């Protein structure tokens, strides 16, 4: 029997317990032996939870506990508890993207030194098995690029706005449904997506990519008018994390994408991740990118791997820092809305004007140009909004 401890009995932690109990037979078959939750660590009190403890040392000092599921979130005390568990030769499976981004390389080194594992499938894409697929099924590929809709909250908001809803109204609706946090800034400002594309970029590049080095734009400037123009163009607006491995460009931002793009029909709270390999071409991963049971299922997938292997599993993270190129050198076409047509045409040539029933502004698409050149051209213009095209 493999005994597991769960740190944090919140949404994901309680989901891990539920998955292990409800799918016990499938997990036993996959792991090769029975997997059981022996402890649940939380400072809160819960009724009818006999596994509940409030002292991490009970878990650390129990030699029967072989695997710890860290579902607390944040850096503190998750970092300290994870490090201690690994130093006690207990593998750790986590959904904590913030911790993976900040300390993943260090924690992987500690796991290697103690012949146990640090795995984090659930940190990106919820229930989508993207990290294991990159590690194993795509091990023969040179990954050219990876891009994705990685935040269900933003995708839900943008999907509703496409139908004419107002940003503030949809955000309140998302919070009421539990799709958005009370403080949604990490989602709507793009930081959550940036952390996830940083993890994906680290795996496909073989170097450490820190989210702090990623140009990050959120969705707070998107309006109903942007969607009206997008509809005219046969396009939609999606918040994407983008990493181009061949030229080392990385970006998190809202993009206009065509109705022929693989990510166009990824709507509501779903996530979609597009991987481009040099031999396999495009691979599309789609599923629930968040939520109690999908995310918990991904944590348990890591538990099964740790139970089966019983040794260090290389998660793909390394300590070598990547040398990123400046995203402002990457050329895009830009969609632009300005108040003064004459001023815009003095600075931009060969623009594609977008006809719409708005008399107080001028909208157009530029030629292909670098972000640096675009910023220079719009300097001093009354720009209402701008978006990159992909």
Protein backbone atom coordinates (compact mmCIF):
# COMPACT_ATOMS: atom_id res chain seq x y z
CA UNK A 1 0.00 0.00 0.00
CA UNK A 2 1.13 3.54 -0.81
CA UNK A 3 0.17 6.06 1.86
CA UNK A 4 -0.39 9.63 0.75
CA UNK A 5 -0.68 12.91 2.66
CA UNK A 6 -2.62 15.87 1.29
CA UNK A 7 -1.52 19.38 2.27
CA UNK A 8 -4.51 21.74 2.16
CA UNK A 9 -8.13 20.64 2.19
CA UNK A 10 -9.45 23.33 -0.11
CA UNK A 11 -10.93 22.92 -3.58
CA UNK A 12 -8.09 20.92 -5.14
CA UNK A 13 -7.04 19.09 -1.97
CA UNK A 14 -10.53 17.81 -1.27
CA UNK A 15 -10.73 16.87 -4.94
CA UNK A 16 -7.57 14.76 -4.63
CA UNK A 17 -9.11 12.87 -1.71
CA UNK A 18 -12.31 12.36 -3.71
CA UNK A 19 -10.46 11.08 -6.80
CA UNK A 20 -8.37 8.62 -4.76
CA UNK A 21 -11.43 7.27 -2.95
CA UNK A 22 -13.82 7.13 -5.91
CA UNK A 23 -11.35 5.74 -8.44
CA UNK A 24 -9.55 3.40 -6.05
CA UNK A 25 -9.65 0.35 -8.34
CA UNK A 26 -8.40 2.22 -11.41
CA UNK A 27 -5.62 3.84 -9.38
CA UNK A 28 -4.58 0.50 -7.85
CA UNK A 29 -4.35 -1.04 -11.29
CA UNK A 30 -2.32 1.86 -12.69
CA UNK A 31 -0.01 2.22 -9.67
CA UNK A 32 0.47 -1.49 -9.08
CA UNK A 33 -0.76 -1.32 -5.51
CA UNK A 34 -3.41 0.36 -3.40
CA UNK A 35 -3.12 4.11 -2.81
CA UNK A 36 -4.65 5.50 0.38
CA UNK A 37 -4.89 8.97 1.94
CA UNK A 38 -3.47 8.65 5.46
CA UNK A 39 -3.28 12.33 6.44
CA UNK A 40 -4.91 15.60 5.45
CA UNK A 41 -3.12 18.70 6.74
CA UNK A 42 -5.13 21.86 7.36
CA UNK A 43 -5.34 24.49 10.09
CA UNK A 44 -9.14 24.49 9.84
CA UNK A 45 -11.45 22.01 11.49
CA UNK A 46 -13.70 19.75 9.40
CA UNK A 47 -16.35 17.29 10.49
CA UNK A 48 -16.11 13.67 9.41
CA UNK A 49 -12.49 13.94 8.23
CA UNK A 50 -10.66 11.38 10.39
CA UNK A 51 -7.39 11.86 8.44
CA UNK A 52 -7.16 15.52 9.50
CA UNK A 53 -3.99 16.73 11.26
CA UNK A 54 -2.63 20.24 11.86
CA UNK A 55 1.07 19.50 12.39
CA UNK A 56 3.32 18.89 9.36
CA UNK A 57 5.76 16.96 11.54
CA UNK A 58 3.25 14.13 11.94
CA UNK A 59 3.49 13.61 8.20
CA UNK A 60 7.24 14.18 7.92
CA UNK A 61 8.04 11.72 10.71
CA UNK A 62 5.78 8.93 9.46
CA UNK A 63 7.89 6.52 7.36
CA UNK A 64 4.71 5.00 5.90
CA UNK A 65 3.92 8.21 3.99
CA UNK A 66 5.70 8.00 0.66
CA UNK A 67 3.94 10.73 -1.34
CA UNK A 68 2.74 14.22 -0.41
CA UNK A 69 0.20 16.19 -2.46
CA UNK A 70 0.79 19.92 -2.00
CA UNK A 71 -2.44 21.71 -2.89
CA UNK A 72 -2.10 24.72 -0.60
CA UNK A 73 -1.13 27.28 -3.24
CA UNK A 74 1.14 30.28 -2.79
CA UNK A 75 4.76 30.26 -1.71
CA UNK A 76 4.45 30.17 2.07
CA UNK A 77 4.27 27.76 3.81
CA UNK A 78 4.03 25.58 0.70
CA UNK A 79 7.73 26.00 -0.10
CA UNK A 80 8.91 25.05 3.38
CA UNK A 81 6.59 22.04 3.61
CA UNK A 82 7.57 20.84 0.13
CA UNK A 83 11.28 21.18 0.81
CA UNK A 84 10.98 19.33 4.11
CA UNK A 85 8.96 16.54 2.55
CA UNK A 86 11.55 16.04 -0.19
CA UNK A 87 14.37 16.10 2.36
CA UNK A 88 12.49 13.33 4.19
CA UNK A 89 12.57 11.36 0.91
CA UNK A 90 8.87 11.77 0.22
CA UNK A 91 7.84 12.56 -3.36
CA UNK A 92 5.71 15.68 -3.82
CA UNK A 93 2.95 16.19 -6.39
CA UNK A 94 1.59 19.71 -6.71
CA UNK A 95 -0.85 21.98 -8.49
CA UNK A 96 1.00 25.09 -7.30
CA UNK A 97 2.19 26.95 -10.43
CA UNK A 98 3.48 29.91 -8.40
CA UNK A 99 5.80 27.66 -6.42
CA UNK A 100 6.93 25.72 -9.49
CA UNK A 101 7.83 28.95 -11.27
CA UNK A 102 9.67 30.45 -8.29
CA UNK A 103 11.40 27.38 -6.80
CA UNK A 104 10.84 24.46 -9.18
CA UNK A 105 14.49 24.07 -10.15
CA UNK A 106 15.67 24.06 -6.53
CA UNK A 107 12.96 21.62 -5.43
CA UNK A 108 13.78 19.33 -8.34
CA UNK A 109 17.44 19.30 -7.27
CA UNK A 110 16.44 18.40 -3.71
CA UNK A 111 14.22 15.61 -5.03
CA UNK A 112 17.08 14.23 -7.12
CA UNK A 113 19.44 14.31 -4.13
CA UNK A 114 16.92 12.33 -2.07
CA UNK A 115 15.90 9.89 -4.82
CA UNK A 116 12.27 11.00 -4.84
CA UNK A 117 10.26 13.13 -7.24
CA UNK A 118 8.77 16.59 -7.62
CA UNK A 119 5.96 16.54 -10.19
CA UNK A 120 3.51 19.27 -11.17
CA UNK A 121 1.23 18.13 -13.99
CA UNK A 122 -1.73 19.99 -12.46
CA UNK A 123 0.09 23.35 -12.47
CA UNK A 124 -0.68 23.94 -16.17
CA UNK A 125 -3.92 23.21 -17.96
CA UNK A 126 -5.84 21.67 -15.07
CA UNK A 127 -6.83 18.19 -16.16
CA UNK A 128 -5.08 18.39 -19.55
CA UNK A 129 -2.09 15.97 -19.54
CA UNK A 130 0.20 18.45 -21.27
CA UNK A 131 3.41 18.26 -19.20
CA UNK A 132 3.65 14.48 -19.27
CA UNK A 133 2.92 14.53 -22.99
CA UNK A 134 5.76 16.97 -23.57
CA UNK A 135 8.11 14.94 -21.37
CA UNK A 136 7.29 11.52 -22.75
CA UNK A 137 5.19 11.44 -25.92
CA UNK A 138 7.04 14.38 -27.48
CA UNK A 139 10.52 13.45 -26.30
CA UNK A 140 11.59 12.72 -29.88
CA UNK A 141 10.41 16.10 -31.16
CA UNK A 142 12.09 19.45 -31.43
CA UNK A 143 9.29 21.72 -30.21
CA UNK A 144 9.25 24.79 -32.43
CA UNK A 145 6.50 26.68 -30.64
CA UNK A 146 3.82 26.32 -28.00
CA UNK A 147 0.85 28.59 -27.42
CA UNK A 148 -2.31 28.30 -25.46
CA UNK A 149 -5.43 29.59 -23.80
CA UNK A 150 -4.26 28.85 -20.28
CA UNK A 151 -6.67 30.73 -18.04
CA UNK A 152 -10.29 29.63 -17.84
CA UNK A 153 -11.43 32.80 -16.07
CA UNK A 154 -10.24 35.07 -18.88
CA UNK A 155 -11.53 32.74 -21.55
CA UNK A 156 -14.96 32.68 -19.89
CA UNK A 157 -15.04 36.48 -19.74
CA UNK A 158 -13.94 36.90 -23.36
CA UNK A 159 -16.44 34.28 -24.55
CA UNK A 160 -19.30 36.16 -22.88
CA UNK A 161 -18.06 39.50 -24.19
CA UNK A 162 -18.08 38.10 -27.71
CA UNK A 163 -21.86 37.78 -27.31
CA UNK A 164 -22.14 41.44 -26.32
CA UNK A 165 -21.76 41.34 -22.53
CA UNK A 166 -19.89 44.03 -20.60
CA UNK A 167 -16.53 43.21 -19.00
CA UNK A 168 -17.46 44.30 -15.48
CA UNK A 169 -20.78 42.44 -15.58
CA UNK A 170 -19.17 39.22 -16.80
CA UNK A 171 -16.43 39.44 -14.18
CA UNK A 172 -19.05 39.68 -11.43
CA UNK A 173 -20.87 36.72 -12.98
CA UNK A 174 -17.62 34.71 -13.11
CA UNK A 175 -16.99 35.48 -9.43
CA UNK A 176 -20.54 34.43 -8.54
CA UNK A 177 -20.03 31.09 -10.32
CA UNK A 178 -16.65 30.53 -8.68
CA UNK A 179 -14.75 30.89 -11.98
CA UNK A 180 -12.93 34.02 -10.74
CA UNK A 181 -11.34 34.87 -7.41
CA UNK A 182 -12.56 37.71 -5.21
CA UNK A 183 -9.35 39.48 -6.23
CA UNK A 184 -9.11 38.49 -9.93
CA UNK A 185 -6.02 40.52 -10.82
CA UNK A 186 -3.72 37.51 -11.32
CA UNK A 187 -6.15 36.21 -13.94
CA UNK A 188 -7.34 39.30 -15.77
CA UNK A 189 -3.92 41.02 -15.77
CA UNK A 190 -2.39 37.93 -17.41
CA UNK A 191 -0.03 36.86 -14.59
CA UNK A 192 -1.57 33.40 -14.22
CA UNK A 193 -1.17 32.75 -17.95
CA UNK A 194 2.40 34.07 -17.84
CA UNK A 195 3.35 31.65 -15.06
CA UNK A 196 1.92 28.75 -17.02
CA UNK A 197 3.62 29.61 -20.31
CA UNK A 198 6.86 30.05 -18.31
CA UNK A 199 6.57 26.46 -17.09
CA UNK A 200 5.78 25.17 -20.58
CA UNK A 201 8.65 27.16 -22.07
CA UNK A 202 11.04 25.79 -19.45
CA UNK A 203 10.13 22.25 -20.40
CA UNK A 204 10.32 22.61 -24.18
CA UNK A 205 13.49 24.76 -24.17
CA UNK A 206 15.43 22.77 -21.59
CA UNK A 207 16.28 26.03 -19.81
CA UNK A 208 14.70 27.95 -16.95
CA UNK A 209 12.19 30.56 -18.06
CA UNK A 210 11.00 32.88 -15.29
CA UNK A 211 7.58 34.47 -15.47
CA UNK A 212 9.10 37.73 -14.27
CA UNK A 213 10.91 38.05 -17.63
CA UNK A 214 7.73 37.76 -19.69
CA UNK A 215 6.00 40.79 -21.20
CA UNK A 216 2.51 40.45 -19.80
CA UNK A 217 -0.70 42.13 -20.96
CA UNK A 218 -4.15 41.31 -19.62
CA UNK A 219 -7.70 41.70 -20.86
CA UNK A 220 -8.90 44.73 -18.89
CA UNK A 221 -8.69 47.05 -21.92
CA UNK A 222 -10.83 44.82 -24.15
CA UNK A 223 -14.24 46.31 -24.96
CA UNK A 224 -17.39 45.39 -26.84
CA UNK A 225 -16.15 47.50 -29.73
CA UNK A 226 -13.04 45.36 -30.09
CA UNK A 227 -15.28 42.33 -30.49
CA UNK A 228 -17.48 44.17 -33.00
CA UNK A 229 -14.43 44.77 -35.19
CA UNK A 230 -13.22 41.21 -34.64
CA UNK A 231 -16.56 39.90 -35.91
CA UNK A 232 -16.21 42.05 -39.04
CA UNK A 233 -12.85 40.40 -39.64
CA UNK A 234 -14.07 36.84 -38.98
CA UNK A 235 -11.84 36.72 -35.93
CA UNK A 236 -12.06 36.45 -32.15
CA UNK A 237 -10.03 37.71 -29.19
CA UNK A 238 -8.17 35.25 -26.96
CA UNK A 239 -5.68 35.74 -24.15
CA UNK A 240 -2.69 33.61 -25.13
CA UNK A 241 0.61 32.54 -23.70
CA UNK A 242 3.05 32.23 -26.62
CA UNK A 243 6.56 30.77 -26.70
CA UNK A 244 8.56 30.41 -29.90
CA UNK A 245 11.39 28.06 -29.08
CA UNK A 246 13.31 28.52 -32.32
CA UNK A 247 13.83 32.27 -31.89
CA UNK A 248 13.24 32.47 -28.11
CA UNK A 249 10.33 34.90 -28.07
CA UNK A 250 7.80 34.71 -25.24
CA UNK A 251 4.69 36.78 -24.58
CA UNK A 252 1.38 36.83 -22.74
CA UNK A 253 -1.23 39.07 -24.36
CA UNK A 254 -4.69 39.17 -25.94
CA UNK A 255 -4.58 38.37 -29.66
CA UNK A 256 -6.94 38.56 -32.59
CA UNK A 257 -7.06 35.07 -34.12
CA UNK A 258 -8.86 33.94 -37.26
CA UNK A 259 -11.77 31.52 -37.37
CA UNK A 260 -9.42 29.01 -39.02
CA UNK A 261 -7.05 28.94 -36.04
CA UNK A 262 -7.07 25.80 -33.89
CA UNK A 263 -7.72 27.86 -30.74
CA UNK A 264 -10.65 29.85 -32.16
CA UNK A 265 -13.35 27.51 -30.86
CA UNK A 266 -11.88 27.06 -27.37
CA UNK A 267 -14.56 28.81 -25.34
CA UNK A 268 -15.92 29.33 -21.83
CA UNK A 269 -13.75 27.92 -19.02
CA UNK A 270 -11.94 25.46 -21.28
CA UNK A 271 -8.23 25.60 -22.08
CA UNK A 272 -6.51 24.77 -25.34
CA UNK A 273 -2.80 24.27 -25.94
CA UNK A 274 -1.24 24.08 -29.41
CA UNK A 275 2.17 22.41 -29.69
CA UNK A 276 4.15 22.56 -32.92
CA UNK A 277 6.88 19.97 -33.42
CA UNK A 278 9.40 19.85 -36.24
CA UNK A 279 8.26 16.36 -37.30
CA UNK A 280 4.75 15.84 -35.91
CA UNK A 281 3.58 19.37 -36.90
CA UNK A 282 0.61 20.62 -34.83
CA UNK A 283 -0.79 18.85 -31.78
CA UNK A 284 -3.86 20.21 -30.01
CA UNK A 285 -4.63 19.59 -26.32
CA UNK A 286 -8.08 20.57 -25.09
CA UNK A 287 -9.93 20.21 -21.81
CA UNK A 288 -10.98 21.75 -18.53
CA UNK A 289 -8.13 23.98 -17.47
CA UNK A 290 -9.32 24.38 -13.90
CA UNK A 291 -11.88 23.10 -11.44
CA UNK A 292 -11.84 20.77 -8.49
CA UNK A 293 -11.90 17.31 -10.07
CA UNK A 294 -10.03 17.93 -13.36
CA UNK A 295 -7.11 19.53 -11.49
CA UNK A 296 -7.21 16.87 -8.77
CA UNK A 297 -7.17 14.15 -11.44
CA UNK A 298 -3.90 15.58 -12.77
CA UNK A 299 -2.40 15.58 -9.26
CA UNK A 300 -3.36 11.93 -8.84
CA UNK A 301 -1.79 11.10 -12.21
CA UNK A 302 1.50 12.29 -10.70
CA UNK A 303 0.82 10.25 -7.56
CA UNK A 304 0.48 7.15 -9.72
CA UNK A 305 3.77 7.85 -11.49
CA UNK A 306 5.58 8.34 -8.18
CA UNK A 307 4.02 5.17 -6.76
CA UNK A 308 4.99 3.17 -9.79
CA UNK A 309 8.54 4.45 -10.23
CA UNK A 310 9.64 4.72 -6.55
CA UNK A 311 12.67 6.77 -7.57
CA UNK A 312 13.58 10.18 -8.95
CA UNK A 313 11.55 11.06 -12.04
CA UNK A 314 13.10 13.77 -14.19
CA UNK A 315 10.45 16.46 -14.57
CA UNK A 316 12.39 18.35 -17.24
CA UNK A 317 13.31 21.43 -15.19
CA UNK A 318 16.94 22.54 -15.28
CA UNK A 319 18.88 25.35 -13.69
CA UNK A 320 20.29 26.79 -16.92
CA UNK A 321 18.86 30.27 -17.46
CA UNK A 322 17.42 30.90 -20.91
CA UNK A 323 18.55 33.81 -23.05
CA UNK A 324 15.32 35.30 -24.36
CA UNK A 325 15.15 37.66 -27.30
CA UNK A 326 13.33 40.97 -26.87
CA UNK A 327 9.68 40.43 -27.81
CA UNK A 328 9.62 44.01 -29.13
CA UNK A 329 11.79 42.76 -32.02
CA UNK A 330 9.15 40.20 -33.03
CA UNK A 331 7.05 41.34 -35.99
CA UNK A 332 3.24 41.25 -35.85
CA UNK A 333 0.38 42.92 -37.62
CA UNK A 334 -1.53 45.17 -35.22
CA UNK A 335 -5.21 46.05 -34.96
CA UNK A 336 -5.54 49.67 -33.85
CA UNK A 337 -8.40 51.96 -32.82
CA UNK A 338 -7.69 55.70 -32.77
CA UNK A 339 -9.79 58.83 -32.47
CA UNK A 340 -8.14 60.72 -35.35
CA UNK A 341 -7.91 59.09 -38.78
CA UNK A 342 -5.80 61.82 -40.35
CA UNK A 343 -3.08 61.61 -37.69
CA UNK A 344 -2.96 57.83 -37.97
CA UNK A 345 -2.59 57.83 -41.77
CA UNK A 346 0.33 60.22 -41.51
CA UNK A 347 2.22 57.58 -39.54
CA UNK A 348 1.00 54.31 -41.02
CA UNK A 349 0.99 53.40 -44.71
CA UNK A 350 -0.78 50.56 -46.49
CA UNK A 351 -3.27 50.08 -43.69
CA UNK A 352 -6.37 47.90 -43.94
CA UNK A 353 -9.30 50.04 -42.84
CA UNK A 354 -12.08 48.24 -40.95
CA UNK A 355 -15.53 49.60 -41.73
CA UNK A 356 -17.88 49.86 -38.76
CA UNK A 357 -20.76 51.99 -37.56
CA UNK A 358 -18.67 54.03 -35.15
CA UNK A 359 -18.21 57.63 -36.26
CA UNK A 360 -16.02 58.69 -33.36
CA UNK A 361 -13.00 56.56 -34.23
CA UNK A 362 -10.92 54.99 -36.98
CA UNK A 363 -9.90 51.31 -36.89
CA UNK A 364 -7.30 49.63 -39.08
CA UNK A 365 -4.75 46.83 -39.35
CA UNK A 366 -1.10 47.67 -39.90
CA UNK A 367 1.50 46.03 -42.08
CA UNK A 368 3.82 43.54 -40.41
CA UNK A 369 6.14 45.44 -38.07
CA UNK A 370 8.11 44.99 -34.89
CA UNK A 371 6.61 45.95 -31.57
CA UNK A 372 9.31 48.57 -31.20
CA UNK A 373 8.41 50.19 -34.53
CA UNK A 374 4.71 50.06 -33.65
CA UNK A 375 5.27 51.75 -30.29
CA UNK A 376 7.22 54.53 -32.01
CA UNK A 377 4.47 55.12 -34.56
CA UNK A 378 1.64 55.31 -32.03
CA UNK A 379 3.55 57.56 -29.66
CA UNK A 380 1.44 60.70 -29.22
CA UNK A 381 -1.63 59.25 -30.93
CA UNK A 382 -4.93 58.97 -29.09
CA UNK A 383 -5.05 55.15 -29.20
CA UNK A 384 -8.21 53.63 -27.77
CA UNK A 385 -6.86 50.10 -27.97
CA UNK A 386 -4.51 47.90 -29.96
CA UNK A 387 -4.13 44.15 -30.35
CA UNK A 388 -1.70 41.86 -32.10
CA UNK A 389 -2.86 39.52 -34.85
CA UNK A 390 -1.73 35.92 -34.88
